[in-house]
Amino acid sequence: MYNFVAFVAVLFALAAVLRVDFCFTIAYFFAGIYMVSRMWSKRVVKQLTIRRDLTQRAFLGDEMDVTANPPPISW
């Protein structure tokens, strides 16, 4: 990710030095994509849930069966 931020910074600096509007547009576009993807991934992680089913009691050294059931996701 840091390489991407550095790439956008270099692209923005290059656009400022050369005064090319197209490079400014591309730099803003990449920066916007980066910010939206960061916010989206944080939102997805907050809404992620999982439920585990396991037995209530076990002795030391016993093997237990654990079932993980992710909820169905409606897209």
PDB file of N, CA and C in Angstrom:
ATOM      1  N   MET A   1       0.807  -1.197   0.000  1.00  0.00           N
ATOM      2  CA  MET A   1       0.000   0.000   0.000  1.00  0.00           C
ATOM      3  C   MET A   1       0.849   1.260   0.000  1.00  0.00           C
ATOM      4  N   TYR A   2       1.964   1.218   0.687  1.00  0.00           N
ATOM      5  CA  TYR A   2       2.810   2.406   0.740  1.00  0.00           C
ATOM      6  C   TYR A   2       3.389   2.725  -0.630  1.00  0.00           C
ATOM      7  N   ASN A   3       3.621   1.694  -1.430  1.00  0.00           N
ATOM      8  CA  ASN A   3       4.105   1.934  -2.785  1.00  0.00           C
ATOM      9  C   ASN A   3       3.058   2.675  -3.610  1.00  0.00           C
ATOM     10  N   PHE A   4       1.794   2.344  -3.379  1.00  0.00           N
ATOM     11  CA  PHE A   4       0.723   3.010  -4.104  1.00  0.00           C
ATOM     12  C   PHE A   4       0.621   4.478  -3.711  1.00  0.00           C
ATOM     13  N   VAL A   5       0.749   4.771  -2.424  1.00  0.00           N
ATOM     14  CA  VAL A   5       0.722   6.158  -1.956  1.00  0.00           C
ATOM     15  C   VAL A   5       1.905   6.926  -2.535  1.00  0.00           C
ATOM     16  N   ALA A   6       3.056   6.310  -2.564  1.00  0.00           N
ATOM     17  CA  ALA A   6       4.234   6.949  -3.145  1.00  0.00           C
ATOM     18  C   ALA A   6       4.034   7.180  -4.644  1.00  0.00           C
ATOM     19  N   PHE A   7       3.421   6.229  -5.322  1.00  0.00           N
ATOM     20  CA  PHE A   7       3.145   6.378  -6.747  1.00  0.00           C
ATOM     21  C   PHE A   7       2.224   7.565  -7.014  1.00  0.00           C
ATOM     22  N   VAL A   8       1.164   7.702  -6.221  1.00  0.00           N
ATOM     23  CA  VAL A   8       0.231   8.818  -6.389  1.00  0.00           C
ATOM     24  C   VAL A   8       0.936  10.138  -6.079  1.00  0.00           C
ATOM     25  N   ALA A   9       1.786  10.162  -5.056  1.00  0.00           N
ATOM     26  CA  ALA A   9       2.518  11.387  -4.719  1.00  0.00           C
ATOM     27  C   ALA A   9       3.475  11.788  -5.849  1.00  0.00           C
ATOM     28  N   VAL A  10       4.178  10.809  -6.425  1.00  0.00           N
ATOM     29  CA  VAL A  10       5.082  11.103  -7.535  1.00  0.00           C
ATOM     30  C   VAL A  10       4.293  11.568  -8.756  1.00  0.00           C
ATOM     31  N   LEU A  11       3.164  10.931  -9.017  1.00  0.00           N
ATOM     32  CA  LEU A  11       2.330  11.332 -10.135  1.00  0.00           C
ATOM     33  C   LEU A  11       1.809  12.759  -9.952  1.00  0.00           C
ATOM     34  N   PHE A  12       1.407  13.094  -8.743  1.00  0.00           N
ATOM     35  CA  PHE A  12       0.921  14.447  -8.463  1.00  0.00           C
ATOM     36  C   PHE A  12       2.051  15.472  -8.621  1.00  0.00           C
ATOM     37  N   ALA A  13       3.239  15.137  -8.123  1.00  0.00           N
ATOM     38  CA  ALA A  13       4.386  16.046  -8.259  1.00  0.00           C
ATOM     39  C   ALA A  13       4.765  16.229  -9.727  1.00  0.00           C
ATOM     40  N   LEU A  14       4.736  15.152 -10.484  1.00  0.00           N
ATOM     41  CA  LEU A  14       5.042  15.230 -11.909  1.00  0.00           C
ATOM     42  C   LEU A  14       4.021  16.102 -12.639  1.00  0.00           C
ATOM     43  N   ALA A  15       2.753  15.948 -12.269  1.00  0.00           N
ATOM     44  CA  ALA A  15       1.705  16.761 -12.886  1.00  0.00           C
ATOM     45  C   ALA A  15       1.874  18.230 -12.515  1.00  0.00           C
ATOM     46  N   ALA A  16       2.304  18.510 -11.279  1.00  0.00           N
ATOM     47  CA  ALA A  16       2.509  19.895 -10.859  1.00  0.00           C
ATOM     48  C   ALA A  16       3.685  20.525 -11.588  1.00  0.00           C
ATOM     49  N   VAL A  17       4.746  19.760 -11.780  1.00  0.00           N
ATOM     50  CA  VAL A  17       5.931  20.294 -12.467  1.00  0.00           C
ATOM     51  C   VAL A  17       5.633  20.515 -13.948  1.00  0.00           C
ATOM     52  N   LEU A  18       4.987  19.537 -14.576  1.00  0.00           N
ATOM     53  CA  LEU A  18       4.722  19.626 -16.012  1.00  0.00           C
ATOM     54  C   LEU A  18       3.447  20.406 -16.337  1.00  0.00           C
ATOM     55  N   ARG A  19       2.629  20.643 -15.326  1.00  0.00           N
ATOM     56  CA  ARG A  19       1.352  21.359 -15.490  1.00  0.00           C
ATOM     57  C   ARG A  19       0.469  20.689 -16.546  1.00  0.00           C
ATOM     58  N   VAL A  20       0.286  19.379 -16.368  1.00  0.00           N
ATOM     59  CA  VAL A  20      -0.540  18.600 -17.284  1.00  0.00           C
ATOM     60  C   VAL A  20      -1.843  18.261 -16.560  1.00  0.00           C
ATOM     61  N   ASP A  21      -2.967  18.738 -17.102  1.00  0.00           N
ATOM     62  CA  ASP A  21      -4.259  18.525 -16.454  1.00  0.00           C
ATOM     63  C   ASP A  21      -4.640  17.046 -16.398  1.00  0.00           C
ATOM     64  N   PHE A  22      -4.295  16.312 -17.437  1.00  0.00           N
ATOM     65  CA  PHE A  22      -4.632  14.895 -17.453  1.00  0.00           C
ATOM     66  C   PHE A  22      -3.955  14.148 -16.312  1.00  0.00           C
ATOM     67  N   CYS A  23      -2.717  14.472 -16.012  1.00  0.00           N
ATOM     68  CA  CYS A  23      -2.002  13.821 -14.902  1.00  0.00           C
ATOM     69  C   CYS A  23      -2.641  14.179 -13.568  1.00  0.00           C
ATOM     70  N   PHE A  24      -3.112  15.425 -13.416  1.00  0.00           N
ATOM     71  CA  PHE A  24      -3.828  15.793 -12.197  1.00  0.00           C
ATOM     72  C   PHE A  24      -5.090  14.948 -12.055  1.00  0.00           C
ATOM     73  N   THR A  25      -5.815  14.779 -13.142  1.00  0.00           N
ATOM     74  CA  THR A  25      -7.048  13.990 -13.110  1.00  0.00           C
ATOM     75  C   THR A  25      -6.751  12.549 -12.715  1.00  0.00           C
ATOM     76  N   ILE A  26      -5.739  11.959 -13.296  1.00  0.00           N
ATOM     77  CA  ILE A  26      -5.365  10.581 -12.969  1.00  0.00           C
ATOM     78  C   ILE A  26      -4.922  10.478 -11.511  1.00  0.00           C
ATOM     79  N   ALA A  27      -4.151  11.444 -11.023  1.00  0.00           N
ATOM     80  CA  ALA A  27      -3.693  11.410  -9.627  1.00  0.00           C
ATOM     81  C   ALA A  27      -4.873  11.507  -8.677  1.00  0.00           C
ATOM     82  N   TYR A  28      -5.821  12.401  -8.951  1.00  0.00           N
ATOM     83  CA  TYR A  28      -7.010  12.516  -8.107  1.00  0.00           C
ATOM     84  C   TYR A  28      -7.858  11.255  -8.170  1.00  0.00           C
ATOM     85  N   PHE A  29      -7.942  10.670  -9.346  1.00  0.00           N
ATOM     86  CA  PHE A  29      -8.701   9.428  -9.502  1.00  0.00           C
ATOM     87  C   PHE A  29      -8.094   8.300  -8.673  1.00  0.00           C
ATOM     88  N   PHE A  30      -6.779   8.123  -8.761  1.00  0.00           N
ATOM     89  CA  PHE A  30      -6.115   7.083  -7.972  1.00  0.00           C
ATOM     90  C   PHE A  30      -6.226   7.355  -6.478  1.00  0.00           C
ATOM     91  N   ALA A  31      -6.094   8.607  -6.063  1.00  0.00           N
ATOM     92  CA  ALA A  31      -6.219   8.943  -4.641  1.00  0.00           C
ATOM     93  C   ALA A  31      -7.636   8.657  -4.153  1.00  0.00           C
ATOM     94  N   GLY A  32      -8.629   8.963  -4.970  1.00  0.00           N
ATOM     95  CA  GLY A  32     -10.015   8.679  -4.600  1.00  0.00           C
ATOM     96  C   GLY A  32     -10.281   7.194  -4.476  1.00  0.00           C
ATOM     97  N   ILE A  33      -9.763   6.415  -5.405  1.00  0.00           N
ATOM     98  CA  ILE A  33      -9.918   4.958  -5.328  1.00  0.00           C
ATOM     99  C   ILE A  33      -9.263   4.417  -4.070  1.00  0.00           C
ATOM    100  N   TYR A  34      -8.095   4.920  -3.736  1.00  0.00           N
ATOM    101  CA  TYR A  34      -7.386   4.466  -2.535  1.00  0.00           C
ATOM    102  C   TYR A  34      -8.205   4.762  -1.277  1.00  0.00           C
ATOM    103  N   MET A  35      -8.741   5.984  -1.171  1.00  0.00           N
ATOM    104  CA  MET A  35      -9.507   6.351   0.025  1.00  0.00           C
ATOM    105  C   MET A  35     -10.802   5.556   0.134  1.00  0.00           C
ATOM    106  N   VAL A  36     -11.491   5.381  -0.975  1.00  0.00           N
ATOM    107  CA  VAL A  36     -12.748   4.625  -0.947  1.00  0.00           C
ATOM    108  C   VAL A  36     -12.488   3.165  -0.589  1.00  0.00           C
ATOM    109  N   SER A  37     -11.434   2.575  -1.112  1.00  0.00           N
ATOM    110  CA  SER A  37     -11.145   1.172  -0.798  1.00  0.00           C
ATOM    111  C   SER A  37     -10.774   0.993   0.669  1.00  0.00           C
ATOM    112  N   ARG A  38     -10.055   1.955   1.250  1.00  0.00           N
ATOM    113  CA  ARG A  38      -9.716   1.873   2.681  1.00  0.00           C
ATOM    114  C   ARG A  38     -10.973   1.953   3.541  1.00  0.00           C
ATOM    115  N   MET A  39     -11.858   2.904   3.234  1.00  0.00           N
ATOM    116  CA  MET A  39     -13.098   3.040   4.001  1.00  0.00           C
ATOM    117  C   MET A  39     -13.991   1.821   3.829  1.00  0.00           C
ATOM    118  N   TRP A  40     -14.078   1.288   2.621  1.00  0.00           N
ATOM    119  CA  TRP A  40     -14.926   0.141   2.346  1.00  0.00           C
ATOM    120  C   TRP A  40     -14.430  -1.095   3.096  1.00  0.00           C
ATOM    121  N   SER A  41     -13.129  -1.323   3.106  1.00  0.00           N
ATOM    122  CA  SER A  41     -12.599  -2.509   3.786  1.00  0.00           C
ATOM    123  C   SER A  41     -12.815  -2.422   5.293  1.00  0.00           C
ATOM    124  N   LYS A  42     -12.696  -1.232   5.888  1.00  0.00           N
ATOM    125  CA  LYS A  42     -12.961  -1.087   7.320  1.00  0.00           C
ATOM    126  C   LYS A  42     -14.429  -1.346   7.630  1.00  0.00           C
ATOM    127  N   ARG A  43     -15.315  -0.897   6.755  1.00  0.00           N
ATOM    128  CA  ARG A  43     -16.744  -1.105   6.959  1.00  0.00           C
ATOM    129  C   ARG A  43     -17.103  -2.586   6.875  1.00  0.00           C
ATOM    130  N   VAL A  44     -16.508  -3.286   5.937  1.00  0.00           N
ATOM    131  CA  VAL A  44     -16.780  -4.712   5.767  1.00  0.00           C
ATOM    132  C   VAL A  44     -16.312  -5.500   6.987  1.00  0.00           C
ATOM    133  N   VAL A  45     -15.140  -5.175   7.504  1.00  0.00           N
ATOM    134  CA  VAL A  45     -14.604  -5.895   8.665  1.00  0.00           C
ATOM    135  C   VAL A  45     -15.483  -5.670   9.897  1.00  0.00           C
ATOM    136  N   LYS A  46     -16.037  -4.470  10.066  1.00  0.00           N
ATOM    137  CA  LYS A  46     -16.906  -4.201  11.217  1.00  0.00           C
ATOM    138  C   LYS A  46     -18.185  -5.013  11.160  1.00  0.00           C
ATOM    139  N   GLN A  47     -18.692  -5.293   9.962  1.00  0.00           N
ATOM    140  CA  GLN A  47     -19.949  -6.022   9.825  1.00  0.00           C
ATOM    141  C   GLN A  47     -19.769  -7.534   9.718  1.00  0.00           C
ATOM    142  N   LEU A  48     -18.559  -7.992   9.723  1.00  0.00           N
ATOM    143  CA  LEU A  48     -18.291  -9.410   9.606  1.00  0.00           C
ATOM    144  C   LEU A  48     -18.556 -10.106  10.935  1.00  0.00           C
ATOM    145  N   THR A  49     -19.351 -11.156  10.917  1.00  0.00           N
ATOM    146  CA  THR A  49     -19.638 -11.930  12.123  1.00  0.00           C
ATOM    147  C   THR A  49     -19.452 -13.415  11.815  1.00  0.00           C
ATOM    148  N   ILE A  50     -19.190 -14.167  12.879  1.00  0.00           N
ATOM    149  CA  ILE A  50     -19.052 -15.611  12.749  1.00  0.00           C
ATOM    150  C   ILE A  50     -19.541 -16.248  14.042  1.00  0.00           C
ATOM    151  N   ARG A  51     -20.113 -17.417  13.940  1.00  0.00           N
ATOM    152  CA  ARG A  51     -20.627 -18.131  15.103  1.00  0.00           C
ATOM    153  C   ARG A  51     -19.950 -19.489  15.195  1.00  0.00           C
ATOM    154  N   ARG A  52     -19.499 -19.833  16.407  1.00  0.00           N
ATOM    155  CA  ARG A  52     -18.845 -21.125  16.629  1.00  0.00           C
ATOM    156  C   ARG A  52     -19.715 -21.980  17.539  1.00  0.00           C
ATOM    157  N   ASP A  53     -19.853 -23.233  17.193  1.00  0.00           N
ATOM    158  CA  ASP A  53     -20.572 -24.199  18.024  1.00  0.00           C
ATOM    159  C   ASP A  53     -19.568 -25.211  18.564  1.00  0.00           C
ATOM    160  N   LEU A  54     -19.534 -25.351  19.892  1.00  0.00           N
ATOM    161  CA  LEU A  54     -18.639 -26.328  20.492  1.00  0.00           C
ATOM    162  C   LEU A  54     -19.262 -26.869  21.770  1.00  0.00           C
ATOM    163  N   THR A  55     -18.729 -27.983  22.243  1.00  0.00           N
ATOM    164  CA  THR A  55     -19.266 -28.598  23.457  1.00  0.00           C
ATOM    165  C   THR A  55     -18.919 -27.745  24.667  1.00  0.00           C
ATOM    166  N   GLN A  56     -19.750 -27.809  25.697  1.00  0.00           N
ATOM    167  CA  GLN A  56     -19.581 -26.973  26.878  1.00  0.00           C
ATOM    168  C   GLN A  56     -18.450 -27.450  27.788  1.00  0.00           C
ATOM    169  N   ARG A  57     -18.228 -28.750  27.839  1.00  0.00           N
ATOM    170  CA  ARG A  57     -17.218 -29.270  28.770  1.00  0.00           C
ATOM    171  C   ARG A  57     -16.231 -30.175  28.038  1.00  0.00           C
ATOM    172  N   ALA A  58     -14.994 -30.134  28.500  1.00  0.00           N
ATOM    173  CA  ALA A  58     -13.963 -31.011  27.960  1.00  0.00           C
ATOM    174  C   ALA A  58     -12.876 -31.186  29.022  1.00  0.00           C
ATOM    175  N   PHE A  59     -12.248 -32.332  28.990  1.00  0.00           N
ATOM    176  CA  PHE A  59     -11.143 -32.591  29.894  1.00  0.00           C
ATOM    177  C   PHE A  59      -9.826 -32.263  29.202  1.00  0.00           C
ATOM    178  N   LEU A  60      -8.789 -32.095  29.984  1.00  0.00           N
ATOM    179  CA  LEU A  60      -7.478 -31.789  29.453  1.00  0.00           C
ATOM    180  C   LEU A  60      -7.018 -32.915  28.528  1.00  0.00           C
ATOM    181  N   GLY A  61      -6.637 -32.574  27.324  1.00  0.00           N
ATOM    182  CA  GLY A  61      -6.171 -33.559  26.365  1.00  0.00           C
ATOM    183  C   GLY A  61      -7.269 -34.105  25.467  1.00  0.00           C
ATOM    184  N   ASP A  62      -8.542 -33.780  25.731  1.00  0.00           N
ATOM    185  CA  ASP A  62      -9.633 -34.241  24.879  1.00  0.00           C
ATOM    186  C   ASP A  62      -9.635 -33.462  23.563  1.00  0.00           C
ATOM    187  N   GLU A  63     -10.048 -34.136  22.523  1.00  0.00           N
ATOM    188  CA  GLU A  63     -10.217 -33.469  21.241  1.00  0.00           C
ATOM    189  C   GLU A  63     -11.672 -33.046  21.114  1.00  0.00           C
ATOM    190  N   MET A  64     -11.863 -31.830  20.660  1.00  0.00           N
ATOM    191  CA  MET A  64     -13.223 -31.290  20.538  1.00  0.00           C
ATOM    192  C   MET A  64     -13.513 -30.973  19.076  1.00  0.00           C
ATOM    193  N   ASP A  65     -14.762 -31.159  18.699  1.00  0.00           N
ATOM    194  CA  ASP A  65     -15.205 -30.758  17.370  1.00  0.00           C
ATOM    195  C   ASP A  65     -15.758 -29.340  17.458  1.00  0.00           C
ATOM    196  N   VAL A  66     -15.256 -28.473  16.616  1.00  0.00           N
ATOM    197  CA  VAL A  66     -15.711 -27.091  16.560  1.00  0.00           C
ATOM    198  C   VAL A  66     -16.252 -26.837  15.165  1.00  0.00           C
ATOM    199  N   THR A  67     -17.449 -26.284  15.112  1.00  0.00           N
ATOM    200  CA  THR A  67     -18.069 -25.961  13.832  1.00  0.00           C
ATOM    201  C   THR A  67     -18.201 -24.459  13.711  1.00  0.00           C
ATOM    202  N   ALA A  68     -17.649 -23.889  12.674  1.00  0.00           N
ATOM    203  CA  ALA A  68     -17.760 -22.441  12.423  1.00  0.00           C
ATOM    204  C   ALA A  68     -18.802 -22.235  11.329  1.00  0.00           C
ATOM    205  N   ASN A  69     -19.802 -21.420  11.628  1.00  0.00           N
ATOM    206  CA  ASN A  69     -20.878 -21.172  10.680  1.00  0.00           C
ATOM    207  C   ASN A  69     -20.944 -19.682  10.339  1.00  0.00           C
ATOM    208  N   PRO A  70     -20.362 -19.280   9.225  1.00  0.00           N
ATOM    209  CA  PRO A  70     -20.521 -17.868   8.834  1.00  0.00           C
ATOM    210  C   PRO A  70     -21.946 -17.644   8.360  1.00  0.00           C
ATOM    211  N   PRO A  71     -22.522 -16.494   8.687  1.00  0.00           N
ATOM    212  CA  PRO A  71     -23.908 -16.246   8.252  1.00  0.00           C
ATOM    213  C   PRO A  71     -23.978 -16.043   6.747  1.00  0.00           C
ATOM    214  N   PRO A  72     -25.140 -16.328   6.165  1.00  0.00           N
ATOM    215  CA  PRO A  72     -25.261 -16.106   4.710  1.00  0.00           C
ATOM    216  C   PRO A  72     -25.205 -14.620   4.404  1.00  0.00           C
ATOM    217  N   ILE A  73     -24.493 -14.285   3.357  1.00  0.00           N
ATOM    218  CA  ILE A  73     -24.317 -12.883   2.975  1.00  0.00           C
ATOM    219  C   ILE A  73     -25.187 -12.606   1.759  1.00  0.00           C
ATOM    220  N   SER A  74     -26.065 -11.634   1.893  1.00  0.00           N
ATOM    221  CA  SER A  74     -26.902 -11.261   0.751  1.00  0.00           C
ATOM    222  C   SER A  74     -26.246 -10.101   0.018  1.00  0.00           C
ATOM    223  N   TRP A  75     -25.886 -10.324  -1.190  1.00  0.00           N
ATOM    224  CA  TRP A  75     -25.244  -9.283  -1.983  1.00  0.00           C
ATOM    225  C   TRP A  75     -26.320  -8.525  -2.664  1.00  0.00           C
TER     226      TRP A  75
END
